[in-house]
Amino acid sequence: MAFDRLIENIVRTQNPSVVGLDPKLEYVPQFIIDKQVAKHGKTLKAAAKALLQFNKAIIDEVHDICPAIKPQAAYYEMYGYEGVKTLYKTIRYAQENGMFVMTDGKRNDIGATMEAYATAHLGLTDICGEQVEAFGADALTVNGYLGTDGIAPLLEKCKQYDKGIFVLVKTSNKSSGELQDLKLESGKTIYSQMGDMCEGWGAECMGKYGYSGVGAVVGATYPEQLAEMRAQLPHTFFLVPGYGAQGGGAEGVAKAFDANGLGAIVNSSRGVMCAYKKEGCDEKDFAKAARREVIRMKEDIISYLPKVALPE
């Protein structure tokens, strides 16, 4: 399954972290913006071109030391069709450089609509009998709170095209507990029940390293729940947002991992993209600053883990 490839990338790089490429123009160095505005004016095209140049430079610097990227679709959609084109090109460029790509779209619907989302992001679109890959990411974040009706179409694509999904379970935002921490009549929390559902959904698409093609989003800002979910969901791979800018630390996120230093991947977005601002270095050194931050993050996280290795 798809997460086998992600796990192999993590072991190869000895790095269980993912760079969130969620770019806004305010994150992009001015010299890049000026170049594109000079060519295309103050247009959506100029903005999208600037984002793509920014993304490619970061990918060039980190692809050998980082296993994956996670582009958040909203940051591309805000620049219209030109931005969506940049999302597509970013996915392709990262994959060409050996990186695993998880699109952060948090899609959620049922029936034919969810089938369309699944086809767009994970499958092949039929064009008069020709099968064409629309976006072609390796994995997609999804919202499972509509139940199995919203997940089943994705499972078919995961099995057919070797893809994965990450289902929202315990999210990193402050108000997540308003719903997710509520208890059901069984005494289980809603997030715990969602975790169990992920285990069930994943049973039909197991990988060779013990993890299924159905992962879970479990935030770094709640380390106790991370530990709880790791023990409860032995076959579910975790995507862990909230490290760094949102307050999650390496000691806490270590609770998401198994005895082989696997089972999770930790996201950092602004921390990497805006590393040059934090450092106060020349803006033309932004990509190398991103690399330095990826290395710092990697070393921080693995200092709390056993050696990252494939299970025997």
Foldseek 3Di string as FASTA:
>chain_A
DLVVLLLVLCQQLVFQAAAELLDDPVLFDVVLLVVLCVVVNPALLSRLSSSLVLLLLLLVQPLNNHAAYEYEVVSQCVSPPSSVVSLLVSQVSNVVSRHAYEYEDQAWDFDPVLLVVLCQEQHFDQDPNDTHHNRHHQEYEYECVVDPRNCVSNLVSCVVRVHAYAYEQAALDPCSCVQQQDADPVRDGNSLVVLVVLLVSQPVAADPQQAGRYAYEHELNDLVVLLVSCVVRVRHAYEYECDDPNDGFLLSCQSNADQQRGRYHYYDYCCLSNQCVVVVHDSVCSSVSSSVSSVVRRVRNCVNHDRHDGDD
